């Protein structure tokens, strides 16, 4: 009977060591398998962000190059952003109206 108990105890000890090793492999330590999975997901998201920023950088570089080389591009920016006009032209600006101003404009004047 004691031989049988010793074998059962030895098997239980080996199984416990295997389970502890598996637990440590998956969930323990400084970088577990779950942490490595999360790092892979983060890496994919960051690479996608880098690619999109590369597209924005290329677009801004092209805009900068056109502003340095093309007087037409400079004129377009001056007209659109700063409201510059040529001699003989008229500039019409539309100013957004606040809700309180719109109600005052829509209400008929008191003529008492």
N, C-alpha and C. Protein backbone atom coordinates (compact mmCIF):
# COMPACT_ATOMS: atom_id res chain seq x y z
N UNK A 1 0.81 -1.19 0.00
CA UNK A 1 0.00 0.00 0.00
C UNK A 1 0.86 1.27 0.00
N UNK A 2 1.95 1.27 0.75
CA UNK A 2 2.79 2.45 0.82
C UNK A 2 3.48 2.72 -0.53
N UNK A 3 3.82 1.63 -1.26
CA UNK A 3 4.40 1.80 -2.60
C UNK A 3 3.41 2.48 -3.53
N UNK A 4 2.18 2.10 -3.44
CA UNK A 4 1.13 2.70 -4.26
C UNK A 4 0.93 4.17 -3.90
N UNK A 5 0.95 4.50 -2.63
CA UNK A 5 0.81 5.89 -2.18
C UNK A 5 1.98 6.74 -2.64
N UNK A 6 3.19 6.13 -2.63
CA UNK A 6 4.36 6.86 -3.06
C UNK A 6 4.29 7.17 -4.56
N UNK A 7 3.83 6.21 -5.37
CA UNK A 7 3.66 6.44 -6.80
C UNK A 7 2.61 7.51 -7.07
N UNK A 8 1.51 7.46 -6.33
CA UNK A 8 0.46 8.48 -6.50
C UNK A 8 0.99 9.85 -6.09
N UNK A 9 1.74 9.92 -5.01
CA UNK A 9 2.33 11.17 -4.56
C UNK A 9 3.33 11.72 -5.58
N UNK A 10 4.14 10.80 -6.16
CA UNK A 10 5.12 11.22 -7.17
C UNK A 10 4.41 11.75 -8.42
N UNK A 11 3.37 11.07 -8.86
CA UNK A 11 2.60 11.53 -10.02
C UNK A 11 1.93 12.87 -9.73
N UNK A 12 1.41 13.01 -8.52
CA UNK A 12 0.78 14.27 -8.13
C UNK A 12 1.80 15.41 -8.10
N UNK A 13 3.01 15.12 -7.63
CA UNK A 13 4.07 16.12 -7.61
C UNK A 13 4.48 16.51 -9.02
N UNK A 14 4.63 15.56 -9.93
CA UNK A 14 5.01 15.84 -11.31
C UNK A 14 3.90 16.65 -12.00
N UNK A 15 2.66 16.25 -11.78
CA UNK A 15 1.53 16.99 -12.38
C UNK A 15 1.49 18.42 -11.86
N UNK A 16 1.74 18.59 -10.56
CA UNK A 16 1.75 19.93 -9.97
C UNK A 16 2.87 20.77 -10.57
N UNK A 17 4.04 20.18 -10.74
CA UNK A 17 5.16 20.91 -11.33
C UNK A 17 4.85 21.29 -12.78
N UNK A 18 4.23 20.39 -13.54
CA UNK A 18 3.86 20.71 -14.92
C UNK A 18 2.84 21.84 -14.96
N UNK A 19 1.85 21.78 -14.10
CA UNK A 19 0.84 22.84 -14.05
C UNK A 19 1.46 24.18 -13.64
N UNK A 20 2.34 24.15 -12.65
CA UNK A 20 3.00 25.39 -12.21
C UNK A 20 3.88 25.94 -13.34
N UNK A 21 4.59 25.07 -14.03
CA UNK A 21 5.42 25.52 -15.15
C UNK A 21 4.57 26.10 -16.28
N UNK A 22 3.46 25.45 -16.59
CA UNK A 22 2.56 25.96 -17.63
C UNK A 22 1.96 27.30 -17.25
N UNK A 23 1.56 27.40 -15.99
CA UNK A 23 1.01 28.68 -15.51
C UNK A 23 2.05 29.78 -15.63
N UNK A 24 3.27 29.48 -15.18
CA UNK A 24 4.33 30.49 -15.25
C UNK A 24 4.65 30.85 -16.70
N UNK A 25 4.61 29.86 -17.58
CA UNK A 25 4.88 30.11 -18.99
C UNK A 25 3.84 31.02 -19.61
N UNK A 26 2.57 30.79 -19.30
CA UNK A 26 1.50 31.58 -19.91
C UNK A 26 1.23 32.89 -19.19
N UNK A 27 1.19 32.86 -17.88
CA UNK A 27 0.73 34.04 -17.14
C UNK A 27 1.76 34.66 -16.22
N UNK A 28 2.85 33.98 -15.98
CA UNK A 28 3.81 34.48 -15.00
C UNK A 28 4.99 35.17 -15.65
N UNK A 29 5.86 35.67 -14.84
CA UNK A 29 7.07 36.30 -15.34
C UNK A 29 6.84 37.74 -15.76
N UNK A 30 7.90 38.37 -16.19
CA UNK A 30 7.82 39.78 -16.57
C UNK A 30 7.04 39.97 -17.86
N UNK A 31 7.26 39.10 -18.83
CA UNK A 31 6.54 39.16 -20.10
C UNK A 31 5.86 37.82 -20.33
N UNK A 32 4.59 37.76 -20.04
CA UNK A 32 3.85 36.52 -20.23
C UNK A 32 3.37 36.42 -21.67
N UNK A 33 2.78 35.29 -22.01
CA UNK A 33 2.26 35.09 -23.36
C UNK A 33 1.16 36.10 -23.64
N UNK A 34 0.38 36.46 -22.64
CA UNK A 34 -0.68 37.45 -22.83
C UNK A 34 -0.09 38.83 -23.10
N UNK A 35 1.00 39.16 -22.40
CA UNK A 35 1.66 40.44 -22.65
C UNK A 35 2.24 40.49 -24.06
N UNK A 36 2.81 39.38 -24.51
CA UNK A 36 3.37 39.34 -25.87
C UNK A 36 2.27 39.49 -26.91
N UNK A 37 1.11 38.90 -26.66
CA UNK A 37 -0.02 39.06 -27.58
C UNK A 37 -0.46 40.52 -27.64
N UNK A 38 -0.55 41.16 -26.47
CA UNK A 38 -0.93 42.58 -26.44
C UNK A 38 0.10 43.45 -27.14
N UNK A 39 1.37 43.12 -26.99
CA UNK A 39 2.42 43.88 -27.67
C UNK A 39 2.31 43.74 -29.18
N UNK A 40 1.96 42.56 -29.66
CA UNK A 40 1.77 42.36 -31.09
C UNK A 40 0.61 43.19 -31.62
N UNK A 41 -0.48 43.26 -30.85
CA UNK A 41 -1.63 44.07 -31.24
C UNK A 41 -1.25 45.55 -31.26
N UNK A 42 -0.54 45.99 -30.23
CA UNK A 42 -0.10 47.39 -30.17
C UNK A 42 0.82 47.72 -31.34
N UNK A 43 1.70 46.79 -31.67
CA UNK A 43 2.63 47.03 -32.77
C UNK A 43 1.89 47.23 -34.09
N UNK A 44 0.88 46.41 -34.34
CA UNK A 44 0.08 46.56 -35.55
C UNK A 44 -0.62 47.89 -35.61
N UNK A 45 -1.18 48.32 -34.48
CA UNK A 45 -1.88 49.61 -34.42
C UNK A 45 -0.90 50.76 -34.64
N UNK A 46 0.28 50.66 -34.06
CA UNK A 46 1.28 51.73 -34.20
C UNK A 46 1.81 51.79 -35.63
N UNK A 47 2.03 50.62 -36.26
CA UNK A 47 2.49 50.62 -37.66
C UNK A 47 1.44 51.25 -38.59
N UNK A 48 0.18 50.99 -38.32
CA UNK A 48 -0.88 51.60 -39.12
C UNK A 48 -0.89 53.11 -38.93
N UNK A 49 -0.68 53.57 -37.71
CA UNK A 49 -0.64 55.01 -37.42
C UNK A 49 0.56 55.65 -38.13
N UNK A 50 1.70 54.96 -38.12
CA UNK A 50 2.90 55.48 -38.79
C UNK A 50 2.65 55.61 -40.29
N UNK A 51 1.99 54.61 -40.88
CA UNK A 51 1.68 54.68 -42.31
C UNK A 51 0.78 55.87 -42.62
N UNK A 52 -0.24 56.09 -41.79
CA UNK A 52 -1.15 57.22 -42.05
C UNK A 52 -0.43 58.55 -41.86
N UNK A 53 0.47 58.63 -40.89
CA UNK A 53 1.24 59.86 -40.71
C UNK A 53 2.22 60.07 -41.87
N UNK A 54 2.70 58.99 -42.46
CA UNK A 54 3.55 59.12 -43.65
C UNK A 54 2.79 59.74 -44.81
N UNK A 55 1.54 59.36 -44.97
CA UNK A 55 0.71 59.94 -46.04
C UNK A 55 0.51 61.43 -45.78
N UNK A 56 0.23 61.79 -44.52
CA UNK A 56 0.04 63.21 -44.18
C UNK A 56 1.33 63.98 -44.42
N UNK A 57 2.45 63.40 -44.04
CA UNK A 57 3.74 64.06 -44.23
C UNK A 57 4.02 64.28 -45.71
N UNK A 58 3.74 63.28 -46.53
CA UNK A 58 3.95 63.43 -47.98
C UNK A 58 3.07 64.54 -48.55
N UNK A 59 1.83 64.60 -48.08
CA UNK A 59 0.91 65.64 -48.55
C UNK A 59 1.40 67.03 -48.15
N UNK A 60 1.83 67.17 -46.92
CA UNK A 60 2.35 68.47 -46.46
C UNK A 60 3.63 68.86 -47.19
N UNK A 61 4.46 67.87 -47.48
CA UNK A 61 5.70 68.15 -48.21
C UNK A 61 5.38 68.63 -49.63
N UNK A 62 4.40 68.00 -50.26
CA UNK A 62 4.01 68.42 -51.61
C UNK A 62 3.43 69.83 -51.58
N UNK A 63 2.63 70.15 -50.56
CA UNK A 63 2.06 71.49 -50.44
C UNK A 63 3.16 72.52 -50.22
N UNK A 64 4.14 72.17 -49.37
CA UNK A 64 5.26 73.07 -49.11
C UNK A 64 6.07 73.31 -50.38
N UNK A 65 6.32 72.25 -51.14
CA UNK A 65 7.07 72.39 -52.39
C UNK A 65 6.32 73.29 -53.38
N UNK A 66 4.99 73.11 -53.45
CA UNK A 66 4.24 73.94 -54.40
C UNK A 66 4.22 75.40 -53.96
N UNK A 67 4.20 75.66 -52.65
CA UNK A 67 4.24 77.05 -52.18
C UNK A 67 5.60 77.69 -52.44
N UNK A 68 6.66 76.89 -52.38
CA UNK A 68 7.99 77.44 -52.65
C UNK A 68 8.21 77.71 -54.13
N UNK A 69 7.57 76.94 -54.99
CA UNK A 69 7.89 77.01 -56.42
C UNK A 69 6.83 77.71 -57.26
N UNK A 70 5.60 77.80 -56.80
CA UNK A 70 4.53 78.26 -57.67
C UNK A 70 3.86 79.53 -57.14
N UNK A 71 3.96 80.62 -57.88
CA UNK A 71 3.27 81.84 -57.47
C UNK A 71 1.74 81.67 -57.49
N UNK A 72 1.25 80.79 -58.33
CA UNK A 72 -0.20 80.54 -58.38
C UNK A 72 -0.68 79.94 -57.06
N UNK A 73 0.09 79.02 -56.50
CA UNK A 73 -0.28 78.41 -55.23
C UNK A 73 -0.25 79.44 -54.10
N UNK A 74 0.74 80.32 -54.13
CA UNK A 74 0.82 81.38 -53.12
C UNK A 74 -0.38 82.31 -53.23
N UNK A 75 -0.76 82.65 -54.45
CA UNK A 75 -1.91 83.52 -54.65
C UNK A 75 -3.19 82.84 -54.16
N UNK A 76 -3.33 81.56 -54.43
CA UNK A 76 -4.52 80.84 -53.98
C UNK A 76 -4.65 80.85 -52.46
N UNK A 77 -3.54 80.63 -51.77
CA UNK A 77 -3.56 80.66 -50.31
C UNK A 77 -3.88 82.07 -49.81
N UNK A 78 -3.29 83.07 -50.43
CA UNK A 78 -3.55 84.45 -50.02
C UNK A 78 -5.02 84.81 -50.21
N UNK A 79 -5.62 84.35 -51.29
CA UNK A 79 -7.03 84.65 -51.54
C UNK A 79 -7.94 83.88 -50.58
N UNK A 80 -7.69 82.59 -50.43
CA UNK A 80 -8.58 81.76 -49.63
C UNK A 80 -8.45 82.03 -48.14
N UNK A 81 -7.24 82.12 -47.67
CA UNK A 81 -7.03 82.22 -46.23
C UNK A 81 -7.08 83.66 -45.71
N UNK A 82 -6.54 84.58 -46.48
CA UNK A 82 -6.40 85.94 -45.98
C UNK A 82 -7.31 86.95 -46.68
N UNK A 83 -8.07 86.51 -47.68
CA UNK A 83 -9.03 87.40 -48.33
C UNK A 83 -8.42 88.44 -49.23
N UNK A 84 -7.22 88.18 -49.77
CA UNK A 84 -6.61 89.14 -50.68
C UNK A 84 -7.40 89.17 -51.99
N UNK A 85 -7.42 90.35 -52.59
CA UNK A 85 -8.11 90.50 -53.88
C UNK A 85 -7.21 91.31 -54.81
N UNK A 86 -7.50 91.20 -56.08
CA UNK A 86 -6.79 92.00 -57.08
C UNK A 86 -7.53 93.31 -57.27
N UNK A 87 -6.85 94.28 -57.92
CA UNK A 87 -7.50 95.55 -58.21
C UNK A 87 -8.72 95.32 -59.10
N UNK A 88 -9.81 95.95 -58.75
CA UNK A 88 -11.02 95.84 -59.54
C UNK A 88 -11.92 94.69 -59.11
N UNK A 89 -11.50 93.86 -58.19
CA UNK A 89 -12.34 92.75 -57.72
C UNK A 89 -13.08 93.18 -56.46
N UNK A 90 -14.17 92.49 -56.18
CA UNK A 90 -14.90 92.72 -54.94
C UNK A 90 -14.86 91.44 -54.11
N UNK A 91 -14.79 91.63 -52.82
CA UNK A 91 -14.75 90.49 -51.90
C UNK A 91 -16.04 90.49 -51.09
N UNK A 92 -16.73 89.39 -51.12
CA UNK A 92 -17.94 89.22 -50.31
C UNK A 92 -17.64 88.19 -49.24
N UNK A 93 -17.82 88.60 -47.99
CA UNK A 93 -17.62 87.69 -46.87
C UNK A 93 -18.96 87.44 -46.20
N UNK A 94 -19.21 86.21 -45.89
CA UNK A 94 -20.43 85.83 -45.20
C UNK A 94 -20.05 85.47 -43.77
N UNK A 95 -20.61 86.20 -42.85
CA UNK A 95 -20.30 86.01 -41.44
C UNK A 95 -21.42 85.19 -40.81
N UNK A 96 -21.09 84.11 -40.10
CA UNK A 96 -22.14 83.33 -39.45
C UNK A 96 -22.83 84.15 -38.37
N UNK A 97 -24.14 83.96 -38.25
CA UNK A 97 -24.94 84.72 -37.31
C UNK A 97 -25.27 83.83 -36.12
N UNK A 98 -25.12 84.38 -34.89
CA UNK A 98 -25.49 83.63 -33.69
C UNK A 98 -27.01 83.48 -33.63
N UNK A 99 -27.47 82.51 -32.86
CA UNK A 99 -28.90 82.27 -32.73
C UNK A 99 -29.61 83.49 -32.13
N UNK A 100 -29.02 84.13 -31.15
CA UNK A 100 -29.67 85.29 -30.52
C UNK A 100 -29.77 86.45 -31.51
N UNK A 101 -28.74 86.64 -32.34
CA UNK A 101 -28.79 87.69 -33.35
C UNK A 101 -29.84 87.37 -34.41
N UNK A 102 -29.95 86.09 -34.79
CA UNK A 102 -30.91 85.69 -35.80
C UNK A 102 -32.33 85.94 -35.31
N UNK A 103 -32.61 85.67 -34.04
CA UNK A 103 -33.95 85.92 -33.49
C UNK A 103 -34.25 87.42 -33.49
N UNK A 104 -33.26 88.25 -33.18
CA UNK A 104 -33.44 89.69 -33.18
C UNK A 104 -33.71 90.20 -34.59
N UNK A 105 -33.03 89.62 -35.58
CA UNK A 105 -33.22 90.03 -36.96
C UNK A 105 -34.59 89.60 -37.46
N UNK A 106 -35.03 88.40 -37.12
CA UNK A 106 -36.30 87.87 -37.61
C UNK A 106 -37.51 88.54 -36.95
N UNK A 107 -37.38 89.04 -35.72
CA UNK A 107 -38.49 89.63 -35.00
C UNK A 107 -38.81 91.01 -35.59
N UNK A 108 -40.08 91.27 -35.87
CA UNK A 108 -40.44 92.61 -36.41
C UNK A 108 -40.18 93.70 -35.38
N UNK A 109 -39.78 94.83 -35.87
CA UNK A 109 -39.46 95.97 -35.00
C UNK A 109 -40.74 96.51 -34.37
N UNK A 110 -40.64 96.97 -33.15
CA UNK A 110 -41.77 97.60 -32.44
C UNK A 110 -41.91 99.03 -32.94
N UNK A 111 -43.05 99.37 -33.48
CA UNK A 111 -43.25 100.73 -34.04
C UNK A 111 -44.30 101.47 -33.24
N UNK A 112 -44.22 101.47 -31.95
CA UNK A 112 -45.20 102.18 -31.10
C UNK A 112 -44.81 103.59 -30.90
